[in-house]
Amino acid sequence: MTQIEAGGNDRVAALTYRDAGGRTHRIAAKAVVVAGGAVETPKLLLLSRGRHAPEGLANETGLVGKHFMETLFWSSSGLHPGPLGSNRGLPSDGVCWDFNAPDAIPA
């Protein structure tokens, strides 16, 4: 999907998308569920500008896509027939503190 076209009365009018051949298509819609995750959902909403949504869908406040904090989590587990001493060693994780430090975001 490349855009959600807003209609009057805060309703969706249509969707546009490109097929594998690069051709653009428009489909009328009465309702749409947007479930693209934390990155693709705001991207789609911001790309969906038009007469009824000049700043993008659901973006009357200008906050769509703002104040995003990335949260990653990954876990693996497995079974082994013998003791491995898995309680030894350093824990590993991935944390990006670039935007989480108190002074990272200017007031």
PDB file of N, CA and C in Angstrom:
ATOM      1  N   MET A   1       0.848  -1.156   0.000  1.00  0.00           N
ATOM      2  CA  MET A   1       0.000   0.000   0.000  1.00  0.00           C
ATOM      3  C   MET A   1       0.901   1.229   0.000  1.00  0.00           C
ATOM      4  N   THR A   2       0.562   2.213  -0.814  1.00  0.00           N
ATOM      5  CA  THR A   2       1.368   3.425  -0.882  1.00  0.00           C
ATOM      6  C   THR A   2       0.686   4.636  -0.272  1.00  0.00           C
ATOM      7  N   GLN A   3      -0.634   4.595  -0.169  1.00  0.00           N
ATOM      8  CA  GLN A   3      -1.340   5.738   0.394  1.00  0.00           C
ATOM      9  C   GLN A   3      -2.762   5.342   0.785  1.00  0.00           C
ATOM     10  N   ILE A   4      -3.247   5.976   1.856  1.00  0.00           N
ATOM     11  CA  ILE A   4      -4.649   5.874   2.237  1.00  0.00           C
ATOM     12  C   ILE A   4      -5.267   7.220   1.895  1.00  0.00           C
ATOM     13  N   GLU A   5      -6.274   7.213   1.066  1.00  0.00           N
ATOM     14  CA  GLU A   5      -6.906   8.462   0.629  1.00  0.00           C
ATOM     15  C   GLU A   5      -8.040   8.812   1.589  1.00  0.00           C
ATOM     16  N   ALA A   6      -7.936   9.967   2.203  1.00  0.00           N
ATOM     17  CA  ALA A   6      -8.969  10.422   3.134  1.00  0.00           C
ATOM     18  C   ALA A   6     -10.141  11.003   2.365  1.00  0.00           C
ATOM     19  N   GLY A   7     -11.330  10.756   2.876  1.00  0.00           N
ATOM     20  CA  GLY A   7     -12.543  11.339   2.330  1.00  0.00           C
ATOM     21  C   GLY A   7     -13.098  12.351   3.313  1.00  0.00           C
ATOM     22  N   GLY A   8     -14.314  12.778   3.103  1.00  0.00           N
ATOM     23  CA  GLY A   8     -14.953  13.710   4.014  1.00  0.00           C
ATOM     24  C   GLY A   8     -15.374  13.033   5.304  1.00  0.00           C
ATOM     25  N   ASN A   9     -15.712  13.821   6.295  1.00  0.00           N
ATOM     26  CA  ASN A   9     -16.206  13.339   7.588  1.00  0.00           C
ATOM     27  C   ASN A   9     -15.252  12.369   8.282  1.00  0.00           C
ATOM     28  N   ASP A  10     -13.956  12.593   8.127  1.00  0.00           N
ATOM     29  CA  ASP A  10     -12.939  11.734   8.755  1.00  0.00           C
ATOM     30  C   ASP A  10     -13.095  10.257   8.399  1.00  0.00           C
ATOM     31  N   ARG A  11     -13.427   9.995   7.167  1.00  0.00           N
ATOM     32  CA  ARG A  11     -13.591   8.621   6.686  1.00  0.00           C
ATOM     33  C   ARG A  11     -12.551   8.327   5.605  1.00  0.00           C
ATOM     34  N   VAL A  12     -12.250   7.066   5.405  1.00  0.00           N
ATOM     35  CA  VAL A  12     -11.345   6.631   4.339  1.00  0.00           C
ATOM     36  C   VAL A  12     -12.140   6.530   3.047  1.00  0.00           C
ATOM     37  N   ALA A  13     -11.553   7.003   1.956  1.00  0.00           N
ATOM     38  CA  ALA A  13     -12.216   6.913   0.655  1.00  0.00           C
ATOM     39  C   ALA A  13     -11.644   5.774  -0.186  1.00  0.00           C
ATOM     40  N   ALA A  14     -10.312   5.621  -0.174  1.00  0.00           N
ATOM     41  CA  ALA A  14      -9.687   4.628  -1.045  1.00  0.00           C
ATOM     42  C   ALA A  14      -8.265   4.327  -0.582  1.00  0.00           C
ATOM     43  N   LEU A  15      -7.693   3.288  -1.164  1.00  0.00           N
ATOM     44  CA  LEU A  15      -6.299   2.907  -0.956  1.00  0.00           C
ATOM     45  C   LEU A  15      -5.601   2.906  -2.299  1.00  0.00           C
ATOM     46  N   THR A  16      -4.329   3.234  -2.302  1.00  0.00           N
ATOM     47  CA  THR A  16      -3.542   3.068  -3.521  1.00  0.00           C
ATOM     48  C   THR A  16      -2.383   2.122  -3.213  1.00  0.00           C
ATOM     49  N   TYR A  17      -2.024   1.342  -4.213  1.00  0.00           N
ATOM     50  CA  TYR A  17      -0.904   0.428  -4.068  1.00  0.00           C
ATOM     51  C   TYR A  17      -0.262   0.215  -5.429  1.00  0.00           C
ATOM     52  N   ARG A  18       0.960  -0.322  -5.412  1.00  0.00           N
ATOM     53  CA  ARG A  18       1.665  -0.666  -6.645  1.00  0.00           C
ATOM     54  C   ARG A  18       1.796  -2.167  -6.719  1.00  0.00           C
ATOM     55  N   ASP A  19       1.537  -2.706  -7.913  1.00  0.00           N
ATOM     56  CA  ASP A  19       1.695  -4.148  -8.101  1.00  0.00           C
ATOM     57  C   ASP A  19       3.155  -4.472  -8.424  1.00  0.00           C
ATOM     58  N   ALA A  20       3.447  -5.738  -8.625  1.00  0.00           N
ATOM     59  CA  ALA A  20       4.814  -6.180  -8.899  1.00  0.00           C
ATOM     60  C   ALA A  20       5.387  -5.553 -10.164  1.00  0.00           C
ATOM     61  N   GLY A  21       4.536  -5.168 -11.095  1.00  0.00           N
ATOM     62  CA  GLY A  21       4.994  -4.533 -12.325  1.00  0.00           C
ATOM     63  C   GLY A  21       5.182  -3.034 -12.203  1.00  0.00           C
ATOM     64  N   GLY A  22       4.912  -2.475 -11.012  1.00  0.00           N
ATOM     65  CA  GLY A  22       5.091  -1.051 -10.797  1.00  0.00           C
ATOM     66  C   GLY A  22       3.877  -0.207 -11.154  1.00  0.00           C
ATOM     67  N   ARG A  23       2.772  -0.842 -11.550  1.00  0.00           N
ATOM     68  CA  ARG A  23       1.554  -0.100 -11.888  1.00  0.00           C
ATOM     69  C   ARG A  23       0.805   0.288 -10.619  1.00  0.00           C
ATOM     70  N   THR A  24       0.279   1.499 -10.589  1.00  0.00           N
ATOM     71  CA  THR A  24      -0.464   1.998  -9.432  1.00  0.00           C
ATOM     72  C   THR A  24      -1.944   1.688  -9.602  1.00  0.00           C
ATOM     73  N   HIS A  25      -2.553   1.223  -8.520  1.00  0.00           N
ATOM     74  CA  HIS A  25      -3.977   0.894  -8.528  1.00  0.00           C
ATOM     75  C   HIS A  25      -4.667   1.619  -7.379  1.00  0.00           C
ATOM     76  N   ARG A  26      -5.950   1.888  -7.540  1.00  0.00           N
ATOM     77  CA  ARG A  26      -6.769   2.539  -6.512  1.00  0.00           C
ATOM     78  C   ARG A  26      -7.965   1.648  -6.221  1.00  0.00           C
ATOM     79  N   ILE A  27      -8.221   1.417  -4.944  1.00  0.00           N
ATOM     80  CA  ILE A  27      -9.336   0.591  -4.515  1.00  0.00           C
ATOM     81  C   ILE A  27     -10.177   1.397  -3.538  1.00  0.00           C
ATOM     82  N   ALA A  28     -11.479   1.510  -3.784  1.00  0.00           N
ATOM     83  CA  ALA A  28     -12.370   2.175  -2.836  1.00  0.00           C
ATOM     84  C   ALA A  28     -12.470   1.337  -1.572  1.00  0.00           C
ATOM     85  N   ALA A  29     -12.538   1.988  -0.427  1.00  0.00           N
ATOM     86  CA  ALA A  29     -12.614   1.278   0.849  1.00  0.00           C
ATOM     87  C   ALA A  29     -13.503   2.040   1.811  1.00  0.00           C
ATOM     88  N   LYS A  30     -14.258   1.297   2.614  1.00  0.00           N
ATOM     89  CA  LYS A  30     -15.077   1.923   3.647  1.00  0.00           C
ATOM     90  C   LYS A  30     -14.337   1.981   4.977  1.00  0.00           C
ATOM     91  N   ALA A  31     -13.451   1.040   5.188  1.00  0.00           N
ATOM     92  CA  ALA A  31     -12.677   0.990   6.435  1.00  0.00           C
ATOM     93  C   ALA A  31     -11.326   0.350   6.139  1.00  0.00           C
ATOM     94  N   VAL A  32     -10.339   0.724   6.924  1.00  0.00           N
ATOM     95  CA  VAL A  32      -8.985   0.206   6.751  1.00  0.00           C
ATOM     96  C   VAL A  32      -8.398  -0.064   8.131  1.00  0.00           C
ATOM     97  N   VAL A  33      -7.712  -1.189   8.271  1.00  0.00           N
ATOM     98  CA  VAL A  33      -6.954  -1.479   9.480  1.00  0.00           C
ATOM     99  C   VAL A  33      -5.490  -1.276   9.129  1.00  0.00           C
ATOM    100  N   VAL A  34      -4.836  -0.367   9.817  1.00  0.00           N
ATOM    101  CA  VAL A  34      -3.424  -0.095   9.578  1.00  0.00           C
ATOM    102  C   VAL A  34      -2.637  -0.822  10.659  1.00  0.00           C
ATOM    103  N   ALA A  35      -1.828  -1.791  10.248  1.00  0.00           N
ATOM    104  CA  ALA A  35      -1.056  -2.596  11.198  1.00  0.00           C
ATOM    105  C   ALA A  35       0.342  -2.819  10.650  1.00  0.00           C
ATOM    106  N   GLY A  36       1.055  -1.735  10.396  1.00  0.00           N
ATOM    107  CA  GLY A  36       2.373  -1.824   9.792  1.00  0.00           C
ATOM    108  C   GLY A  36       3.516  -1.757  10.777  1.00  0.00           C
ATOM    109  N   GLY A  37       3.220  -1.756  12.067  1.00  0.00           N
ATOM    110  CA  GLY A  37       4.281  -1.680  13.061  1.00  0.00           C
ATOM    111  C   GLY A  37       4.662  -0.248  13.372  1.00  0.00           C
ATOM    112  N   ALA A  38       5.658  -0.104  14.233  1.00  0.00           N
ATOM    113  CA  ALA A  38       6.043   1.202  14.757  1.00  0.00           C
ATOM    114  C   ALA A  38       6.711   2.112  13.732  1.00  0.00           C
ATOM    115  N   VAL A  39       7.223   1.562  12.654  1.00  0.00           N
ATOM    116  CA  VAL A  39       7.896   2.379  11.641  1.00  0.00           C
ATOM    117  C   VAL A  39       7.014   2.569  10.411  1.00  0.00           C
ATOM    118  N   GLU A  40       6.486   1.500   9.876  1.00  0.00           N
ATOM    119  CA  GLU A  40       5.723   1.589   8.628  1.00  0.00           C
ATOM    120  C   GLU A  40       4.350   2.244   8.800  1.00  0.00           C
ATOM    121  N   THR A  41       3.721   2.121   9.975  1.00  0.00           N
ATOM    122  CA  THR A  41       2.423   2.766  10.182  1.00  0.00           C
ATOM    123  C   THR A  41       2.538   4.280  10.109  1.00  0.00           C
ATOM    124  N   PRO A  42       3.435   4.934  10.876  1.00  0.00           N
ATOM    125  CA  PRO A  42       3.541   6.383  10.731  1.00  0.00           C
ATOM    126  C   PRO A  42       4.002   6.805   9.337  1.00  0.00           C
ATOM    127  N   LYS A  43       4.857   5.996   8.719  1.00  0.00           N
ATOM    128  CA  LYS A  43       5.297   6.318   7.354  1.00  0.00           C
ATOM    129  C   LYS A  43       4.107   6.373   6.414  1.00  0.00           C
ATOM    130  N   LEU A  44       3.226   5.375   6.476  1.00  0.00           N
ATOM    131  CA  LEU A  44       2.040   5.343   5.626  1.00  0.00           C
ATOM    132  C   LEU A  44       1.103   6.501   5.946  1.00  0.00           C
ATOM    133  N   LEU A  45       0.891   6.783   7.218  1.00  0.00           N
ATOM    134  CA  LEU A  45       0.005   7.890   7.595  1.00  0.00           C
ATOM    135  C   LEU A  45       0.543   9.228   7.094  1.00  0.00           C
ATOM    136  N   LEU A  46       1.841   9.435   7.189  1.00  0.00           N
ATOM    137  CA  LEU A  46       2.433  10.693   6.725  1.00  0.00           C
ATOM    138  C   LEU A  46       2.435  10.803   5.202  1.00  0.00           C
ATOM    139  N   LEU A  47       2.541   9.673   4.509  1.00  0.00           N
ATOM    140  CA  LEU A  47       2.476   9.689   3.042  1.00  0.00           C
ATOM    141  C   LEU A  47       1.050   9.890   2.536  1.00  0.00           C
ATOM    142  N   SER A  48       0.080   9.734   3.409  1.00  0.00           N
ATOM    143  CA  SER A  48      -1.332   9.811   3.016  1.00  0.00           C
ATOM    144  C   SER A  48      -1.859  11.239   3.146  1.00  0.00           C
ATOM    145  N   ARG A  49      -1.223  12.153   2.450  1.00  0.00           N
ATOM    146  CA  ARG A  49      -1.645  13.558   2.449  1.00  0.00           C
ATOM    147  C   ARG A  49      -2.664  13.799   1.352  1.00  0.00           C
ATOM    148  N   GLY A  50      -3.517  14.739   1.578  1.00  0.00           N
ATOM    149  CA  GLY A  50      -4.508  15.101   0.576  1.00  0.00           C
ATOM    150  C   GLY A  50      -5.332  16.280   1.051  1.00  0.00           C
ATOM    151  N   ARG A  51      -6.377  16.567   0.327  1.00  0.00           N
ATOM    152  CA  ARG A  51      -7.228  17.719   0.644  1.00  0.00           C
ATOM    153  C   ARG A  51      -7.825  17.597   2.048  1.00  0.00           C
ATOM    154  N   HIS A  52      -8.232  16.408   2.438  1.00  0.00           N
ATOM    155  CA  HIS A  52      -8.842  16.208   3.745  1.00  0.00           C
ATOM    156  C   HIS A  52      -7.823  15.932   4.847  1.00  0.00           C
ATOM    157  N   ALA A  53      -6.584  15.694   4.488  1.00  0.00           N
ATOM    158  CA  ALA A  53      -5.517  15.418   5.465  1.00  0.00           C
ATOM    159  C   ALA A  53      -4.220  16.052   4.973  1.00  0.00           C
ATOM    160  N   PRO A  54      -4.124  17.391   5.033  1.00  0.00           N
ATOM    161  CA  PRO A  54      -2.952  18.065   4.456  1.00  0.00           C
ATOM    162  C   PRO A  54      -1.616  17.724   5.124  1.00  0.00           C
ATOM    163  N   GLU A  55      -1.635  17.307   6.380  1.00  0.00           N
ATOM    164  CA  GLU A  55      -0.402  16.940   7.077  1.00  0.00           C
ATOM    165  C   GLU A  55      -0.253  15.429   7.228  1.00  0.00           C
ATOM    166  N   GLY A  56      -1.108  14.664   6.554  1.00  0.00           N
ATOM    167  CA  GLY A  56      -1.110  13.216   6.677  1.00  0.00           C
ATOM    168  C   GLY A  56      -2.264  12.771   7.557  1.00  0.00           C
ATOM    169  N   LEU A  57      -2.650  11.524   7.417  1.00  0.00           N
ATOM    170  CA  LEU A  57      -3.776  11.003   8.198  1.00  0.00           C
ATOM    171  C   LEU A  57      -3.458  10.986   9.687  1.00  0.00           C
ATOM    172  N   ALA A  58      -4.444  11.337  10.490  1.00  0.00           N
ATOM    173  CA  ALA A  58      -4.350  11.293  11.957  1.00  0.00           C
ATOM    174  C   ALA A  58      -3.221  12.159  12.485  1.00  0.00           C
ATOM    175  N   ASN A  59      -2.834  13.186  11.752  1.00  0.00           N
ATOM    176  CA  ASN A  59      -1.688  14.007  12.142  1.00  0.00           C
ATOM    177  C   ASN A  59      -2.070  15.462  12.356  1.00  0.00           C
ATOM    178  N   GLU A  60      -3.242  15.706  12.882  1.00  0.00           N
ATOM    179  CA  GLU A  60      -3.662  17.079  13.135  1.00  0.00           C
ATOM    180  C   GLU A  60      -2.742  17.789  14.126  1.00  0.00           C
ATOM    181  N   THR A  61      -2.151  17.025  15.043  1.00  0.00           N
ATOM    182  CA  THR A  61      -1.259  17.609  16.054  1.00  0.00           C
ATOM    183  C   THR A  61       0.186  17.686  15.587  1.00  0.00           C
ATOM    184  N   GLY A  62       0.507  17.028  14.474  1.00  0.00           N
ATOM    185  CA  GLY A  62       1.888  17.003  13.999  1.00  0.00           C
ATOM    186  C   GLY A  62       2.769  16.033  14.764  1.00  0.00           C
ATOM    187  N   LEU A  63       2.177  15.117  15.523  1.00  0.00           N
ATOM    188  CA  LEU A  63       2.959  14.205  16.355  1.00  0.00           C
ATOM    189  C   LEU A  63       3.120  12.803  15.792  1.00  0.00           C
ATOM    190  N   VAL A  64       2.499  12.505  14.648  1.00  0.00           N
ATOM    191  CA  VAL A  64       2.671  11.168  14.067  1.00  0.00           C
ATOM    192  C   VAL A  64       4.141  10.978  13.709  1.00  0.00           C
ATOM    193  N   GLY A  65       4.724   9.912  14.208  1.00  0.00           N
ATOM    194  CA  GLY A  65       6.128   9.612  13.945  1.00  0.00           C
ATOM    195  C   GLY A  65       7.101  10.300  14.884  1.00  0.00           C
ATOM    196  N   LYS A  66       6.615  11.126  15.794  1.00  0.00           N
ATOM    197  CA  LYS A  66       7.490  11.817  16.758  1.00  0.00           C
ATOM    198  C   LYS A  66       7.561  10.995  18.040  1.00  0.00           C
ATOM    199  N   HIS A  67       8.569  11.248  18.832  1.00  0.00           N
ATOM    200  CA  HIS A  67       8.746  10.616  20.140  1.00  0.00           C
ATOM    201  C   HIS A  67       8.795   9.089  20.039  1.00  0.00           C
ATOM    202  N   PHE A  68       9.379   8.613  18.965  1.00  0.00           N
ATOM    203  CA  PHE A  68       9.530   7.175  18.752  1.00  0.00           C
ATOM    204  C   PHE A  68      10.714   6.675  19.568  1.00  0.00           C
ATOM    205  N   MET A  69      10.530   5.598  20.301  1.00  0.00           N
ATOM    206  CA  MET A  69      11.639   4.990  21.018  1.00  0.00           C
ATOM    207  C   MET A  69      11.745   3.540  20.570  1.00  0.00           C
ATOM    208  N   GLU A  70      12.867   3.204  20.049  1.00  0.00           N
ATOM    209  CA  GLU A  70      13.097   1.855  19.564  1.00  0.00           C
ATOM    210  C   GLU A  70      13.279   0.908  20.745  1.00  0.00           C
ATOM    211  N   THR A  71      12.562  -0.182  20.717  1.00  0.00           N
ATOM    212  CA  THR A  71      12.696  -1.199  21.745  1.00  0.00           C
ATOM    213  C   THR A  71      12.886  -2.540  21.052  1.00  0.00           C
ATOM    214  N   LEU A  72      14.039  -3.109  21.226  1.00  0.00           N
ATOM    215  CA  LEU A  72      14.352  -4.386  20.599  1.00  0.00           C
ATOM    216  C   LEU A  72      14.424  -5.463  21.665  1.00  0.00           C
ATOM    217  N   PHE A  73      13.945  -6.626  21.339  1.00  0.00           N
ATOM    218  CA  PHE A  73      14.068  -7.750  22.249  1.00  0.00           C
ATOM    219  C   PHE A  73      14.223  -9.017  21.436  1.00  0.00           C
ATOM    220  N   TRP A  74      15.127  -9.839  21.837  1.00  0.00           N
ATOM    221  CA  TRP A  74      15.331 -11.124  21.184  1.00  0.00           C
ATOM    222  C   TRP A  74      15.709 -12.123  22.259  1.00  0.00           C
ATOM    223  N   SER A  75      15.159 -13.277  22.167  1.00  0.00           N
ATOM    224  CA  SER A  75      15.463 -14.322  23.130  1.00  0.00           C
ATOM    225  C   SER A  75      15.555 -15.650  22.399  1.00  0.00           C
ATOM    226  N   SER A  76      16.494 -16.468  22.816  1.00  0.00           N
ATOM    227  CA  SER A  76      16.637 -17.810  22.256  1.00  0.00           C
ATOM    228  C   SER A  76      16.773 -18.784  23.415  1.00  0.00           C
ATOM    229  N   SER A  77      16.322 -19.959  23.185  1.00  0.00           N
ATOM    230  CA  SER A  77      16.533 -20.991  24.191  1.00  0.00           C
ATOM    231  C   SER A  77      16.669 -22.326  23.478  1.00  0.00           C
ATOM    232  N   GLY A  78      17.235 -23.255  24.163  1.00  0.00           N
ATOM    233  CA  GLY A  78      17.408 -24.578  23.579  1.00  0.00           C
ATOM    234  C   GLY A  78      17.641 -25.606  24.672  1.00  0.00           C
ATOM    235  N   LEU A  79      17.623 -26.838  24.284  1.00  0.00           N
ATOM    236  CA  LEU A  79      17.851 -27.935  25.217  1.00  0.00           C
ATOM    237  C   LEU A  79      19.164 -28.625  24.871  1.00  0.00           C
ATOM    238  N   HIS A  80      19.893 -29.039  25.901  1.00  0.00           N
ATOM    239  CA  HIS A  80      21.153 -29.748  25.708  1.00  0.00           C
ATOM    240  C   HIS A  80      21.172 -30.905  26.696  1.00  0.00           C
ATOM    241  N   PRO A  81      21.682 -32.056  26.293  1.00  0.00           N
ATOM    242  CA  PRO A  81      21.617 -33.229  27.181  1.00  0.00           C
ATOM    243  C   PRO A  81      22.486 -33.118  28.434  1.00  0.00           C
ATOM    244  N   GLY A  82      23.516 -32.282  28.409  1.00  0.00           N
ATOM    245  CA  GLY A  82      24.417 -32.190  29.558  1.00  0.00           C
ATOM    246  C   GLY A  82      24.480 -30.784  30.115  1.00  0.00           C
ATOM    247  N   PRO A  83      25.082 -30.617  31.293  1.00  0.00           N
ATOM    248  CA  PRO A  83      25.214 -29.278  31.874  1.00  0.00           C
ATOM    249  C   PRO A  83      26.186 -28.420  31.053  1.00  0.00           C
ATOM    250  N   LEU A  84      25.814 -27.176  30.832  1.00  0.00           N
ATOM    251  CA  LEU A  84      26.640 -26.261  30.046  1.00  0.00           C
ATOM    252  C   LEU A  84      27.227 -25.135  30.892  1.00  0.00           C
ATOM    253  N   GLY A  85      26.778 -25.001  32.115  1.00  0.00           N
ATOM    254  CA  GLY A  85      27.244 -23.887  32.944  1.00  0.00           C
ATOM    255  C   GLY A  85      26.729 -22.561  32.420  1.00  0.00           C
ATOM    256  N   SER A  86      25.475 -22.549  32.017  1.00  0.00           N
ATOM    257  CA  SER A  86      24.925 -21.345  31.391  1.00  0.00           C
ATOM    258  C   SER A  86      24.786 -20.174  32.357  1.00  0.00           C
ATOM    259  N   ASN A  87      25.003 -20.404  33.641  1.00  0.00           N
ATOM    260  CA  ASN A  87      24.940 -19.305  34.600  1.00  0.00           C
ATOM    261  C   ASN A  87      26.246 -18.514  34.641  1.00  0.00           C
ATOM    262  N   ARG A  88      27.289 -18.982  33.947  1.00  0.00           N
ATOM    263  CA  ARG A  88      28.568 -18.282  33.928  1.00  0.00           C
ATOM    264  C   ARG A  88      28.637 -17.367  32.718  1.00  0.00           C
ATOM    265  N   GLY A  89      29.474 -16.369  32.778  1.00  0.00           N
ATOM    266  CA  GLY A  89      29.696 -15.486  31.648  1.00  0.00           C
ATOM    267  C   GLY A  89      28.919 -14.189  31.756  1.00  0.00           C
ATOM    268  N   LEU A  90      29.078 -13.383  30.747  1.00  0.00           N
ATOM    269  CA  LEU A  90      28.439 -12.066  30.723  1.00  0.00           C
ATOM    270  C   LEU A  90      27.100 -12.122  29.999  1.00  0.00           C
ATOM    271  N   PRO A  91      26.098 -11.433  30.532  1.00  0.00           N
ATOM    272  CA  PRO A  91      24.845 -11.341  29.782  1.00  0.00           C
ATOM    273  C   PRO A  91      25.051 -10.457  28.557  1.00  0.00           C
ATOM    274  N   SER A  92      24.334 -10.731  27.505  1.00  0.00           N
ATOM    275  CA  SER A  92      24.469  -9.896  26.313  1.00  0.00           C
ATOM    276  C   SER A  92      23.120  -9.270  26.001  1.00  0.00           C
ATOM    277  N   ASP A  93      23.155  -8.029  25.588  1.00  0.00           N
ATOM    278  CA  ASP A  93      21.942  -7.334  25.161  1.00  0.00           C
ATOM    279  C   ASP A  93      22.344  -6.221  24.215  1.00  0.00           C
ATOM    280  N   GLY A  94      21.372  -5.608  23.628  1.00  0.00           N
ATOM    281  CA  GLY A  94      21.625  -4.494  22.721  1.00  0.00           C
ATOM    282  C   GLY A  94      20.787  -3.310  23.134  1.00  0.00           C
ATOM    283  N   VAL A  95      21.424  -2.264  23.607  1.00  0.00           N
ATOM    284  CA  VAL A  95      20.711  -1.074  24.036  1.00  0.00           C
ATOM    285  C   VAL A  95      21.348   0.128  23.369  1.00  0.00           C
ATOM    286  N   CYS A  96      20.546   0.986  22.814  1.00  0.00           N
ATOM    287  CA  CYS A  96      21.033   2.235  22.234  1.00  0.00           C
ATOM    288  C   CYS A  96      20.591   3.367  23.145  1.00  0.00           C
ATOM    289  N   TRP A  97      21.544   3.985  23.820  1.00  0.00           N
ATOM    290  CA  TRP A  97      21.219   5.055  24.759  1.00  0.00           C
ATOM    291  C   TRP A  97      21.343   6.429  24.119  1.00  0.00           C
ATOM    292  N   ASP A  98      21.600   6.506  22.825  1.00  0.00           N
ATOM    293  CA  ASP A  98      21.815   7.794  22.157  1.00  0.00           C
ATOM    294  C   ASP A  98      20.682   8.776  22.394  1.00  0.00           C
ATOM    295  N   PHE A  99      19.450   8.281  22.373  1.00  0.00           N
ATOM    296  CA  PHE A  99      18.303   9.174  22.482  1.00  0.00           C
ATOM    297  C   PHE A  99      17.593   9.020  23.825  1.00  0.00           C
ATOM    298  N   ASN A 100      18.139   8.241  24.733  1.00  0.00           N
ATOM    299  CA  ASN A 100      17.496   7.997  26.015  1.00  0.00           C
ATOM    300  C   ASN A 100      18.160   8.744  27.154  1.00  0.00           C
ATOM    301  N   ALA A 101      19.354   9.279  26.949  1.00  0.00           N
ATOM    302  CA  ALA A 101      20.031  10.032  27.996  1.00  0.00           C
ATOM    303  C   ALA A 101      19.241  11.299  28.307  1.00  0.00           C
ATOM    304  N   PRO A 102      19.229  11.737  29.557  1.00  0.00           N
ATOM    305  CA  PRO A 102      18.431  12.921  29.916  1.00  0.00           C
ATOM    306  C   PRO A 102      18.754  14.163  29.092  1.00  0.00           C
ATOM    307  N   ASP A 103      19.999  14.330  28.694  1.00  0.00           N
ATOM    308  CA  ASP A 103      20.373  15.528  27.943  1.00  0.00           C
ATOM    309  C   ASP A 103      20.453  15.290  26.440  1.00  0.00           C
ATOM    310  N   ALA A 104      19.971  14.150  25.945  1.00  0.00           N
ATOM    311  CA  ALA A 104      20.071  13.828  24.522  1.00  0.00           C
ATOM    312  C   ALA A 104      19.070  14.609  23.679  1.00  0.00           C
ATOM    313  N   ILE A 105      17.942  14.966  24.271  1.00  0.00           N
ATOM    314  CA  ILE A 105      16.908  15.681  23.525  1.00  0.00           C
ATOM    315  C   ILE A 105      16.870  17.125  24.008  1.00  0.00           C
ATOM    316  N   PRO A 106      17.158  18.095  23.115  1.00  0.00           N
ATOM    317  CA  PRO A 106      17.147  19.494  23.537  1.00  0.00           C
ATOM    318  C   PRO A 106      15.751  19.910  23.993  1.00  0.00           C
ATOM    319  N   ALA A 107      15.715  20.725  25.020  1.00  0.00           N
ATOM    320  CA  ALA A 107      14.423  21.196  25.560  1.00  0.00           C
ATOM    321  C   ALA A 107      13.812  22.267  24.676  1.00  0.00           C
TER     322      ALA A 107
END
